[in-house]
Amino acid sequence: MAHVGYAKGRSRRHAIVEAAILLFAEVGYHAASLRELASRVGMTHPGLLHHFPDKAALLQAVLAYRDESDRAAVDEEAQRGIDPIESFVRIVERNALRRPLIEAFAALEAEATTEGHPAHRYFADRSETTMAEIRDEFFARAERGELAPGLDPEHVARNFAALMDGLQIQWLYSLGSEGRERVDMAAHLRSYLSAVLRERPA
């Protein structure tokens, strides 16, 4: 019966993480209360602490939740031969279907620019790693003659990364606003790519 208890524990942890995503999206990390979170998932505060001993541990679980989801999708796409840059665009498409998670990440990333924030190192490292992956792809395209003439692959990569982040914020603001057209993040990214890339030479 041990496996039953383990499965129930995993299910409960998953429910806590999903509720934490909503709470962080609403109030940010610093203002979030573990007692409020426990109430939302129908647990006592000590019961919640059994799964996550402190708020920092819960934050790490929330951050890992998105990374694991994205990495599994990217790995599956790589196995199917999907272009790596296209995989970044597809992440953005999936983001449009998971608003609470993106709201939480946007709030956390803004807070985490302060060095004392528990997620500062995570977001700094994540930004550096993502930028390196994007840069490598555009430099590879430059070597294959796939960049439009006169473009610097470093600048193209940096602009692509900035566009991903900026479009995410614009998309969040466009949701639920009367008279405001919803931002299509993937369409704007593909438009940028069509402007900076050209067909591979024969």
N, C-alpha and C. Protein backbone atom coordinates (compact mmCIF):
# COMPACT_ATOMS: atom_id res chain seq x y z
N MET A 1 0.82 -1.21 0.00
CA MET A 1 0.00 0.00 0.00
C MET A 1 0.86 1.27 0.00
N ALA A 2 2.18 1.07 0.12
CA ALA A 2 3.04 2.25 0.19
C ALA A 2 2.94 3.08 -1.08
N HIS A 3 2.77 2.37 -2.23
CA HIS A 3 2.71 3.12 -3.48
C HIS A 3 1.46 3.97 -3.57
N VAL A 4 0.38 3.52 -2.88
CA VAL A 4 -0.86 4.31 -2.88
C VAL A 4 -0.64 5.62 -2.12
N GLY A 5 0.01 5.51 -0.96
CA GLY A 5 0.28 6.71 -0.19
C GLY A 5 1.22 7.65 -0.92
N TYR A 6 2.18 7.07 -1.64
CA TYR A 6 3.11 7.90 -2.42
C TYR A 6 2.38 8.64 -3.52
N ALA A 7 1.48 7.93 -4.21
CA ALA A 7 0.71 8.56 -5.29
C ALA A 7 -0.17 9.68 -4.75
N LYS A 8 -0.78 9.44 -3.58
CA LYS A 8 -1.62 10.47 -2.98
C LYS A 8 -0.79 11.68 -2.58
N GLY A 9 0.42 11.41 -2.08
CA GLY A 9 1.29 12.51 -1.70
C GLY A 9 1.70 13.34 -2.90
N ARG A 10 2.01 12.67 -4.01
CA ARG A 10 2.37 13.39 -5.23
C ARG A 10 1.20 14.20 -5.74
N SER A 11 0.01 13.61 -5.67
CA SER A 11 -1.18 14.32 -6.12
C SER A 11 -1.43 15.56 -5.27
N ARG A 12 -1.23 15.45 -3.97
CA ARG A 12 -1.44 16.58 -3.09
C ARG A 12 -0.40 17.67 -3.34
N ARG A 13 0.85 17.26 -3.54
CA ARG A 13 1.90 18.24 -3.84
C ARG A 13 1.59 18.98 -5.14
N HIS A 14 1.10 18.23 -6.13
CA HIS A 14 0.76 18.84 -7.41
C HIS A 14 -0.35 19.87 -7.23
N ALA A 15 -1.35 19.53 -6.43
CA ALA A 15 -2.46 20.46 -6.18
C ALA A 15 -1.96 21.72 -5.47
N ILE A 16 -1.03 21.55 -4.53
CA ILE A 16 -0.47 22.70 -3.81
C ILE A 16 0.29 23.60 -4.78
N VAL A 17 1.09 23.00 -5.65
CA VAL A 17 1.87 23.79 -6.61
C VAL A 17 0.94 24.57 -7.54
N GLU A 18 -0.11 23.92 -8.03
CA GLU A 18 -1.04 24.60 -8.93
C GLU A 18 -1.74 25.76 -8.21
N ALA A 19 -2.10 25.56 -6.95
CA ALA A 19 -2.71 26.65 -6.19
C ALA A 19 -1.71 27.76 -5.92
N ALA A 20 -0.45 27.40 -5.71
CA ALA A 20 0.59 28.40 -5.48
C ALA A 20 0.81 29.24 -6.73
N ILE A 21 0.72 28.63 -7.89
CA ILE A 21 0.86 29.38 -9.14
C ILE A 21 -0.19 30.48 -9.21
N LEU A 22 -1.43 30.14 -8.88
CA LEU A 22 -2.51 31.13 -8.89
C LEU A 22 -2.26 32.22 -7.86
N LEU A 23 -1.81 31.83 -6.67
CA LEU A 23 -1.58 32.81 -5.61
C LEU A 23 -0.42 33.74 -5.96
N PHE A 24 0.67 33.18 -6.47
CA PHE A 24 1.80 34.02 -6.86
C PHE A 24 1.42 34.96 -7.99
N ALA A 25 0.54 34.49 -8.91
CA ALA A 25 0.09 35.34 -10.00
C ALA A 25 -0.73 36.52 -9.47
N GLU A 26 -1.49 36.27 -8.41
CA GLU A 26 -2.36 37.31 -7.86
C GLU A 26 -1.59 38.34 -7.04
N VAL A 27 -0.68 37.88 -6.18
CA VAL A 27 -0.07 38.81 -5.21
C VAL A 27 1.45 38.84 -5.24
N GLY A 28 2.08 37.98 -6.05
CA GLY A 28 3.54 37.91 -6.05
C GLY A 28 4.05 37.00 -4.93
N TYR A 29 5.35 36.79 -4.92
CA TYR A 29 5.95 35.88 -3.95
C TYR A 29 5.95 36.47 -2.54
N HIS A 30 6.40 37.69 -2.40
CA HIS A 30 6.57 38.27 -1.07
C HIS A 30 5.26 38.38 -0.31
N ALA A 31 4.18 38.74 -1.01
CA ALA A 31 2.90 38.93 -0.34
C ALA A 31 2.12 37.63 -0.15
N ALA A 32 2.57 36.56 -0.78
CA ALA A 32 1.85 35.29 -0.68
C ALA A 32 2.00 34.71 0.73
N SER A 33 0.91 34.17 1.24
CA SER A 33 0.90 33.59 2.58
C SER A 33 0.68 32.09 2.49
N LEU A 34 1.51 31.32 3.20
CA LEU A 34 1.33 29.88 3.22
C LEU A 34 0.03 29.49 3.92
N ARG A 35 -0.40 30.27 4.87
CA ARG A 35 -1.67 29.98 5.54
C ARG A 35 -2.83 30.17 4.57
N GLU A 36 -2.76 31.20 3.74
CA GLU A 36 -3.78 31.41 2.72
C GLU A 36 -3.76 30.27 1.71
N LEU A 37 -2.59 29.85 1.33
CA LEU A 37 -2.47 28.75 0.38
C LEU A 37 -3.04 27.47 0.96
N ALA A 38 -2.72 27.19 2.23
CA ALA A 38 -3.26 26.00 2.88
C ALA A 38 -4.78 26.02 2.88
N SER A 39 -5.35 27.18 3.15
CA SER A 39 -6.80 27.31 3.15
C SER A 39 -7.38 27.02 1.76
N ARG A 40 -6.69 27.48 0.72
CA ARG A 40 -7.20 27.28 -0.64
C ARG A 40 -7.21 25.83 -1.06
N VAL A 41 -6.29 25.04 -0.53
CA VAL A 41 -6.24 23.62 -0.92
C VAL A 41 -6.89 22.72 0.14
N GLY A 42 -7.55 23.33 1.12
CA GLY A 42 -8.28 22.56 2.12
C GLY A 42 -7.38 21.81 3.09
N MET A 43 -6.26 22.44 3.45
CA MET A 43 -5.32 21.82 4.38
C MET A 43 -5.08 22.74 5.57
N THR A 44 -4.51 22.16 6.62
CA THR A 44 -4.03 22.98 7.73
C THR A 44 -2.65 23.53 7.37
N HIS A 45 -2.25 24.57 8.06
CA HIS A 45 -0.92 25.12 7.82
C HIS A 45 0.17 24.08 8.10
N PRO A 46 0.11 23.35 9.25
CA PRO A 46 1.12 22.30 9.48
C PRO A 46 1.09 21.22 8.41
N GLY A 47 -0.11 20.91 7.90
CA GLY A 47 -0.21 19.91 6.84
C GLY A 47 0.51 20.35 5.58
N LEU A 48 0.38 21.62 5.25
CA LEU A 48 1.08 22.16 4.08
C LEU A 48 2.59 22.11 4.28
N LEU A 49 3.03 22.44 5.49
CA LEU A 49 4.47 22.44 5.78
C LEU A 49 5.06 21.04 5.72
N HIS A 50 4.23 20.02 5.84
CA HIS A 50 4.70 18.64 5.69
C HIS A 50 5.21 18.40 4.27
N HIS A 51 4.57 19.05 3.30
CA HIS A 51 4.96 18.90 1.90
C HIS A 51 6.01 19.92 1.48
N PHE A 52 5.88 21.14 1.99
CA PHE A 52 6.83 22.22 1.66
C PHE A 52 7.18 22.94 2.96
N PRO A 53 8.39 22.74 3.47
CA PRO A 53 8.75 23.27 4.79
C PRO A 53 8.76 24.78 4.90
N ASP A 54 8.90 25.47 3.75
CA ASP A 54 8.88 26.93 3.78
C ASP A 54 8.48 27.45 2.40
N LYS A 55 8.31 28.75 2.31
CA LYS A 55 7.84 29.35 1.05
C LYS A 55 8.89 29.24 -0.04
N ALA A 56 10.17 29.27 0.35
CA ALA A 56 11.23 29.16 -0.65
C ALA A 56 11.19 27.79 -1.33
N ALA A 57 10.91 26.74 -0.56
CA ALA A 57 10.82 25.40 -1.14
C ALA A 57 9.64 25.32 -2.11
N LEU A 58 8.55 25.97 -1.75
CA LEU A 58 7.39 25.99 -2.62
C LEU A 58 7.70 26.76 -3.90
N LEU A 59 8.42 27.85 -3.77
CA LEU A 59 8.80 28.63 -4.95
C LEU A 59 9.63 27.78 -5.91
N GLN A 60 10.58 27.04 -5.38
CA GLN A 60 11.40 26.18 -6.23
C GLN A 60 10.55 25.15 -6.97
N ALA A 61 9.52 24.63 -6.31
CA ALA A 61 8.64 23.66 -6.95
C ALA A 61 7.83 24.29 -8.07
N VAL A 62 7.40 25.52 -7.87
CA VAL A 62 6.65 26.24 -8.91
C VAL A 62 7.54 26.49 -10.12
N LEU A 63 8.78 26.90 -9.88
CA LEU A 63 9.70 27.17 -10.98
C LEU A 63 10.02 25.88 -11.74
N ALA A 64 10.20 24.79 -11.01
CA ALA A 64 10.51 23.51 -11.65
C ALA A 64 9.34 23.00 -12.47
N TYR A 65 8.13 23.32 -12.04
CA TYR A 65 6.92 22.85 -12.71
C TYR A 65 6.92 23.30 -14.16
N ARG A 66 7.20 24.57 -14.40
CA ARG A 66 7.20 25.07 -15.78
C ARG A 66 8.39 24.51 -16.56
N ASP A 67 9.56 24.48 -15.95
CA ASP A 67 10.74 24.00 -16.66
C ASP A 67 10.57 22.56 -17.12
N GLU A 68 10.01 21.72 -16.24
CA GLU A 68 9.83 20.31 -16.59
C GLU A 68 8.85 20.15 -17.73
N SER A 69 7.79 20.94 -17.71
CA SER A 69 6.79 20.89 -18.77
C SER A 69 7.38 21.32 -20.10
N ASP A 70 8.10 22.44 -20.10
CA ASP A 70 8.70 22.95 -21.33
C ASP A 70 9.76 22.00 -21.86
N ARG A 71 10.61 21.48 -20.97
CA ARG A 71 11.69 20.63 -21.42
C ARG A 71 11.16 19.34 -22.03
N ALA A 72 10.11 18.77 -21.45
CA ALA A 72 9.53 17.54 -22.00
C ALA A 72 9.00 17.79 -23.40
N ALA A 73 8.35 18.93 -23.61
CA ALA A 73 7.81 19.25 -24.93
C ALA A 73 8.91 19.50 -25.94
N VAL A 74 9.95 20.23 -25.54
CA VAL A 74 11.06 20.52 -26.45
C VAL A 74 11.81 19.24 -26.83
N ASP A 75 12.03 18.36 -25.86
CA ASP A 75 12.72 17.10 -26.14
C ASP A 75 11.91 16.25 -27.12
N GLU A 76 10.59 16.23 -26.93
CA GLU A 76 9.74 15.46 -27.84
C GLU A 76 9.77 16.04 -29.24
N GLU A 77 9.78 17.35 -29.34
CA GLU A 77 9.84 18.00 -30.65
C GLU A 77 11.18 17.77 -31.33
N ALA A 78 12.26 17.76 -30.54
CA ALA A 78 13.58 17.49 -31.11
C ALA A 78 13.65 16.10 -31.71
N GLN A 79 13.02 15.14 -31.05
CA GLN A 79 12.98 13.78 -31.56
C GLN A 79 12.22 13.70 -32.89
N ARG A 80 11.29 14.61 -33.08
CA ARG A 80 10.52 14.64 -34.33
C ARG A 80 11.15 15.54 -35.39
N GLY A 81 12.34 16.08 -35.06
CA GLY A 81 13.06 16.89 -36.03
C GLY A 81 12.55 18.32 -36.15
N ILE A 82 11.85 18.80 -35.13
CA ILE A 82 11.36 20.18 -35.15
C ILE A 82 12.53 21.14 -34.97
N ASP A 83 12.57 22.18 -35.77
CA ASP A 83 13.62 23.19 -35.69
C ASP A 83 13.65 23.81 -34.29
N PRO A 84 14.84 23.98 -33.69
CA PRO A 84 14.92 24.52 -32.32
C PRO A 84 14.30 25.90 -32.16
N ILE A 85 14.47 26.78 -33.15
CA ILE A 85 13.86 28.10 -33.05
C ILE A 85 12.34 27.98 -33.11
N GLU A 86 11.86 27.07 -33.95
CA GLU A 86 10.41 26.83 -34.00
C GLU A 86 9.90 26.32 -32.66
N SER A 87 10.73 25.56 -31.95
CA SER A 87 10.33 25.06 -30.63
C SER A 87 10.12 26.21 -29.65
N PHE A 88 10.95 27.26 -29.75
CA PHE A 88 10.75 28.44 -28.90
C PHE A 88 9.40 29.09 -29.22
N VAL A 89 9.06 29.17 -30.50
CA VAL A 89 7.78 29.76 -30.89
C VAL A 89 6.63 28.90 -30.36
N ARG A 90 6.80 27.60 -30.39
CA ARG A 90 5.74 26.70 -29.90
C ARG A 90 5.57 26.81 -28.39
N ILE A 91 6.66 27.09 -27.66
CA ILE A 91 6.53 27.35 -26.23
C ILE A 91 5.62 28.54 -26.01
N VAL A 92 5.82 29.59 -26.80
CA VAL A 92 4.99 30.79 -26.69
C VAL A 92 3.53 30.45 -27.01
N GLU A 93 3.31 29.61 -27.99
CA GLU A 93 1.93 29.19 -28.32
C GLU A 93 1.30 28.46 -27.14
N ARG A 94 2.06 27.59 -26.50
CA ARG A 94 1.53 26.87 -25.34
C ARG A 94 1.28 27.83 -24.18
N ASN A 95 2.13 28.85 -24.05
CA ASN A 95 1.94 29.81 -22.98
C ASN A 95 0.59 30.51 -23.06
N ALA A 96 0.11 30.71 -24.28
CA ALA A 96 -1.19 31.37 -24.46
C ALA A 96 -2.34 30.53 -23.92
N LEU A 97 -2.06 29.27 -23.58
CA LEU A 97 -3.09 28.38 -23.04
C LEU A 97 -2.93 28.16 -21.54
N ARG A 98 -1.97 28.82 -20.94
CA ARG A 98 -1.74 28.63 -19.50
C ARG A 98 -1.47 29.97 -18.83
N ARG A 99 -2.49 30.80 -18.89
CA ARG A 99 -2.38 32.16 -18.39
C ARG A 99 -1.92 32.26 -16.93
N PRO A 100 -2.51 31.49 -15.99
CA PRO A 100 -2.08 31.65 -14.59
C PRO A 100 -0.58 31.42 -14.39
N LEU A 101 -0.05 30.40 -15.07
CA LEU A 101 1.37 30.12 -14.93
C LEU A 101 2.22 31.27 -15.47
N ILE A 102 1.82 31.84 -16.60
CA ILE A 102 2.57 32.94 -17.19
C ILE A 102 2.45 34.19 -16.34
N GLU A 103 1.27 34.43 -15.77
CA GLU A 103 1.11 35.57 -14.87
C GLU A 103 2.02 35.42 -13.65
N ALA A 104 2.08 34.21 -13.11
CA ALA A 104 2.93 33.97 -11.95
C ALA A 104 4.39 34.19 -12.29
N PHE A 105 4.82 33.67 -13.44
CA PHE A 105 6.21 33.83 -13.83
C PHE A 105 6.55 35.29 -14.10
N ALA A 106 5.64 36.01 -14.72
CA ALA A 106 5.90 37.43 -14.99
C ALA A 106 6.07 38.21 -13.68
N ALA A 107 5.20 37.90 -12.70
CA ALA A 107 5.29 38.58 -11.41
C ALA A 107 6.58 38.21 -10.69
N LEU A 108 6.92 36.92 -10.71
CA LEU A 108 8.11 36.46 -10.01
C LEU A 108 9.38 36.99 -10.66
N GLU A 109 9.41 36.99 -11.99
CA GLU A 109 10.61 37.45 -12.68
C GLU A 109 10.87 38.93 -12.41
N ALA A 110 9.79 39.72 -12.35
CA ALA A 110 9.96 41.14 -12.05
C ALA A 110 10.48 41.33 -10.62
N GLU A 111 9.92 40.59 -9.67
CA GLU A 111 10.38 40.69 -8.29
C GLU A 111 11.83 40.23 -8.14
N ALA A 112 12.20 39.21 -8.90
CA ALA A 112 13.48 38.53 -8.70
C ALA A 112 14.67 39.31 -9.25
N THR A 113 14.46 40.48 -9.84
CA THR A 113 15.60 41.28 -10.29
C THR A 113 16.42 41.77 -9.10
N THR A 114 15.80 41.81 -7.92
CA THR A 114 16.52 42.18 -6.70
C THR A 114 17.37 41.00 -6.25
N GLU A 115 18.63 41.26 -5.95
CA GLU A 115 19.56 40.16 -5.64
C GLU A 115 19.15 39.35 -4.42
N GLY A 116 18.47 39.95 -3.48
CA GLY A 116 18.09 39.22 -2.29
C GLY A 116 16.90 38.30 -2.46
N HIS A 117 16.25 38.35 -3.60
CA HIS A 117 15.07 37.52 -3.84
C HIS A 117 15.50 36.06 -3.98
N PRO A 118 14.74 35.12 -3.38
CA PRO A 118 15.14 33.70 -3.44
C PRO A 118 15.17 33.12 -4.85
N ALA A 119 14.50 33.77 -5.81
CA ALA A 119 14.52 33.26 -7.18
C ALA A 119 15.47 34.05 -8.08
N HIS A 120 16.24 34.97 -7.50
CA HIS A 120 17.12 35.80 -8.33
C HIS A 120 18.11 34.97 -9.13
N ARG A 121 18.78 34.04 -8.46
CA ARG A 121 19.79 33.22 -9.14
C ARG A 121 19.13 32.36 -10.21
N TYR A 122 17.96 31.83 -9.89
CA TYR A 122 17.25 30.98 -10.86
C TYR A 122 16.95 31.75 -12.15
N PHE A 123 16.36 32.92 -12.03
CA PHE A 123 15.99 33.67 -13.23
C PHE A 123 17.21 34.21 -13.97
N ALA A 124 18.26 34.58 -13.23
CA ALA A 124 19.49 35.04 -13.87
C ALA A 124 20.11 33.91 -14.68
N ASP A 125 20.18 32.73 -14.09
CA ASP A 125 20.74 31.57 -14.79
C ASP A 125 19.86 31.16 -15.97
N ARG A 126 18.56 31.20 -15.76
CA ARG A 126 17.63 30.81 -16.81
C ARG A 126 17.74 31.76 -18.01
N SER A 127 17.85 33.04 -17.72
CA SER A 127 18.00 34.02 -18.79
C SER A 127 19.28 33.79 -19.58
N GLU A 128 20.36 33.53 -18.86
CA GLU A 128 21.65 33.30 -19.51
C GLU A 128 21.62 32.04 -20.36
N THR A 129 21.03 30.97 -19.83
CA THR A 129 20.97 29.70 -20.57
C THR A 129 20.10 29.83 -21.81
N THR A 130 18.94 30.46 -21.66
CA THR A 130 18.05 30.64 -22.80
C THR A 130 18.71 31.49 -23.88
N MET A 131 19.37 32.56 -23.46
CA MET A 131 20.04 33.43 -24.41
C MET A 131 21.14 32.68 -25.15
N ALA A 132 21.88 31.83 -24.46
CA ALA A 132 22.95 31.05 -25.09
C ALA A 132 22.38 30.10 -26.13
N GLU A 133 21.25 29.46 -25.82
CA GLU A 133 20.63 28.54 -26.76
C GLU A 133 20.16 29.27 -28.02
N ILE A 134 19.53 30.42 -27.82
CA ILE A 134 19.05 31.21 -28.96
C ILE A 134 20.22 31.72 -29.79
N ARG A 135 21.25 32.21 -29.11
CA ARG A 135 22.43 32.73 -29.82
C ARG A 135 23.07 31.65 -30.67
N ASP A 136 23.23 30.45 -30.09
CA ASP A 136 23.86 29.35 -30.84
C ASP A 136 23.07 29.03 -32.10
N GLU A 137 21.75 29.05 -32.01
CA GLU A 137 20.93 28.73 -33.17
C GLU A 137 21.08 29.77 -34.28
N PHE A 138 21.09 31.04 -33.91
CA PHE A 138 21.19 32.08 -34.95
C PHE A 138 22.61 32.16 -35.53
N PHE A 139 23.62 31.88 -34.73
CA PHE A 139 24.97 31.83 -35.29
C PHE A 139 25.10 30.66 -36.26
N ALA A 140 24.46 29.55 -35.93
CA ALA A 140 24.48 28.40 -36.84
C ALA A 140 23.80 28.76 -38.15
N ARG A 141 22.73 29.50 -38.07
CA ARG A 141 22.04 29.92 -39.29
C ARG A 141 22.88 30.89 -40.10
N ALA A 142 23.60 31.76 -39.41
CA ALA A 142 24.48 32.69 -40.11
C ALA A 142 25.56 31.93 -40.88
N GLU A 143 26.11 30.90 -40.26
CA GLU A 143 27.14 30.10 -40.91
C GLU A 143 26.58 29.37 -42.13
N ARG A 144 25.30 29.02 -42.09
CA ARG A 144 24.68 28.33 -43.23
C ARG A 144 24.14 29.30 -44.27
N GLY A 145 24.33 30.59 -44.04
CA GLY A 145 23.85 31.58 -44.98
C GLY A 145 22.35 31.81 -44.93
N GLU A 146 21.75 31.56 -43.77
CA GLU A 146 20.30 31.66 -43.64
C GLU A 146 19.82 32.98 -43.04
N LEU A 147 20.76 33.85 -42.63
CA LEU A 147 20.35 35.17 -42.14
C LEU A 147 20.26 36.14 -43.31
N ALA A 148 19.33 37.08 -43.21
CA ALA A 148 19.24 38.11 -44.23
C ALA A 148 20.55 38.89 -44.27
N PRO A 149 20.94 39.40 -45.45
CA PRO A 149 22.23 40.09 -45.60
C PRO A 149 22.38 41.27 -44.64
N GLY A 150 23.58 41.41 -44.09
CA GLY A 150 23.91 42.55 -43.25
C GLY A 150 23.50 42.44 -41.79
N LEU A 151 22.89 41.31 -41.40
CA LEU A 151 22.43 41.17 -40.02
C LEU A 151 23.50 40.50 -39.16
N ASP A 152 23.62 41.00 -37.94
CA ASP A 152 24.53 40.43 -36.94
C ASP A 152 23.76 39.38 -36.15
N PRO A 153 24.21 38.11 -36.16
CA PRO A 153 23.47 37.06 -35.45
C PRO A 153 23.33 37.34 -33.95
N GLU A 154 24.30 38.02 -33.36
CA GLU A 154 24.19 38.38 -31.94
C GLU A 154 23.00 39.31 -31.71
N HIS A 155 22.87 40.32 -32.56
CA HIS A 155 21.77 41.25 -32.43
C HIS A 155 20.44 40.58 -32.73
N VAL A 156 20.41 39.73 -33.74
CA VAL A 156 19.18 39.02 -34.10
C VAL A 156 18.72 38.14 -32.94
N ALA A 157 19.66 37.44 -32.32
CA ALA A 157 19.33 36.57 -31.20
C ALA A 157 18.83 37.37 -30.00
N ARG A 158 19.52 38.48 -29.70
CA ARG A 158 19.12 39.30 -28.55
C ARG A 158 17.74 39.90 -28.78
N ASN A 159 17.48 40.33 -30.01
CA ASN A 159 16.16 40.91 -30.31
C ASN A 159 15.06 39.85 -30.23
N PHE A 160 15.37 38.64 -30.66
CA PHE A 160 14.39 37.56 -30.59
C PHE A 160 14.02 37.26 -29.14
N ALA A 161 15.04 37.19 -28.28
CA ALA A 161 14.80 36.91 -26.86
C ALA A 161 13.99 38.04 -26.22
N ALA A 162 14.36 39.28 -26.55
CA ALA A 162 13.64 40.43 -25.99
C ALA A 162 12.21 40.46 -26.49
N LEU A 163 12.01 40.08 -27.73
CA LEU A 163 10.66 40.06 -28.29
C LEU A 163 9.80 39.01 -27.59
N MET A 164 10.37 37.86 -27.29
CA MET A 164 9.62 36.83 -26.56
C MET A 164 9.14 37.37 -25.22
N ASP A 165 10.04 38.00 -24.47
CA ASP A 165 9.69 38.51 -23.14
C ASP A 165 8.69 39.67 -23.25
N GLY A 166 8.95 40.59 -24.16
CA GLY A 166 8.08 41.75 -24.29
C GLY A 166 6.68 41.39 -24.76
N LEU A 167 6.59 40.48 -25.71
CA LEU A 167 5.27 40.06 -26.21
C LEU A 167 4.46 39.40 -25.10
N GLN A 168 5.14 38.68 -24.23
CA GLN A 168 4.43 38.03 -23.13
C GLN A 168 3.73 39.06 -22.25
N ILE A 169 4.42 40.14 -21.93
CA ILE A 169 3.82 41.20 -21.11
C ILE A 169 2.68 41.87 -21.86
N GLN A 170 2.90 42.18 -23.14
CA GLN A 170 1.84 42.81 -23.94
C GLN A 170 0.62 41.90 -24.05
N TRP A 171 0.88 40.61 -24.17
CA TRP A 171 -0.23 39.64 -24.26
C TRP A 171 -1.05 39.65 -22.97
N LEU A 172 -0.38 39.64 -21.83
CA LEU A 172 -1.08 39.65 -20.55
C LEU A 172 -1.96 40.90 -20.42
N TYR A 173 -1.43 42.05 -20.83
CA TYR A 173 -2.21 43.29 -20.75
C TYR A 173 -3.39 43.28 -21.73
N SER A 174 -3.24 42.55 -22.82
CA SER A 174 -4.31 42.56 -23.82
C SER A 174 -5.49 41.67 -23.45
N LEU A 175 -5.31 40.81 -22.45
CA LEU A 175 -6.37 39.88 -22.07
C LEU A 175 -7.48 40.60 -21.31
N GLY A 176 -8.68 40.39 -21.73
CA GLY A 176 -9.83 40.92 -21.00
C GLY A 176 -10.01 42.41 -21.10
N SER A 177 -9.27 43.07 -21.96
CA SER A 177 -9.41 44.53 -22.11
C SER A 177 -10.40 44.83 -23.23
N GLU A 178 -11.46 45.52 -22.90
CA GLU A 178 -12.47 45.84 -23.90
C GLU A 178 -11.89 46.73 -24.99
N GLY A 179 -12.18 46.38 -26.21
CA GLY A 179 -11.73 47.18 -27.34
C GLY A 179 -10.26 47.01 -27.68
N ARG A 180 -9.55 46.15 -26.96
CA ARG A 180 -8.14 45.92 -27.23
C ARG A 180 -7.96 44.56 -27.88
N GLU A 181 -7.29 44.53 -29.01
CA GLU A 181 -7.06 43.28 -29.73
C GLU A 181 -6.06 42.42 -28.96
N ARG A 182 -6.38 41.16 -28.84
CA ARG A 182 -5.49 40.26 -28.12
C ARG A 182 -4.21 40.05 -28.91
N VAL A 183 -3.09 40.15 -28.24
CA VAL A 183 -1.79 40.00 -28.89
C VAL A 183 -1.55 38.53 -29.22
N ASP A 184 -1.20 38.29 -30.47
CA ASP A 184 -0.85 36.94 -30.92
C ASP A 184 0.67 36.82 -30.86
N MET A 185 1.18 36.28 -29.76
CA MET A 185 2.62 36.24 -29.55
C MET A 185 3.35 35.44 -30.62
N ALA A 186 2.83 34.27 -30.93
CA ALA A 186 3.49 33.41 -31.90
C ALA A 186 3.52 34.05 -33.29
N ALA A 187 2.43 34.70 -33.67
CA ALA A 187 2.37 35.33 -34.99
C ALA A 187 3.42 36.43 -35.11
N HIS A 188 3.61 37.22 -34.06
CA HIS A 188 4.60 38.29 -34.10
C HIS A 188 6.02 37.72 -34.16
N LEU A 189 6.26 36.63 -33.44
CA LEU A 189 7.58 36.01 -33.49
C LEU A 189 7.87 35.45 -34.88
N ARG A 190 6.88 34.81 -35.47
CA ARG A 190 7.09 34.26 -36.81
C ARG A 190 7.27 35.38 -37.84
N SER A 191 6.61 36.50 -37.64
CA SER A 191 6.80 37.63 -38.53
C SER A 191 8.24 38.15 -38.43
N TYR A 192 8.76 38.21 -37.21
CA TYR A 192 10.15 38.63 -37.02
C TYR A 192 11.10 37.66 -37.71
N LEU A 193 10.84 36.37 -37.54
CA LEU A 193 11.72 35.37 -38.15
C LEU A 193 11.69 35.46 -39.67
N SER A 194 10.53 35.71 -40.23
CA SER A 194 10.44 35.83 -41.69
C SER A 194 11.23 37.03 -42.20
N ALA A 195 11.41 38.03 -41.34
CA ALA A 195 12.15 39.22 -41.75
C ALA A 195 13.66 39.04 -41.65
N VAL A 196 14.11 38.18 -40.74
CA VAL A 196 15.56 38.05 -40.52
C VAL A 196 16.16 36.78 -41.13
N LEU A 197 15.32 35.82 -41.48
CA LEU A 197 15.82 34.58 -42.05
C LEU A 197 15.49 34.50 -43.53
N ARG A 198 16.28 33.76 -44.25
CA ARG A 198 15.99 33.50 -45.65
C ARG A 198 16.15 32.01 -45.91
N GLU A 199 15.68 31.56 -47.03
CA GLU A 199 15.74 30.14 -47.35
C GLU A 199 17.19 29.68 -47.43
N ARG A 200 17.41 28.45 -46.99
CA ARG A 200 18.75 27.89 -47.05
C ARG A 200 19.22 27.80 -48.50
N PRO A 201 20.44 28.27 -48.77
CA PRO A 201 20.92 28.21 -50.15
C PRO A 201 20.98 26.78 -50.67
N ALA A 202 20.69 26.62 -51.95
CA ALA A 202 20.69 25.28 -52.55
C ALA A 202 22.12 24.76 -52.65
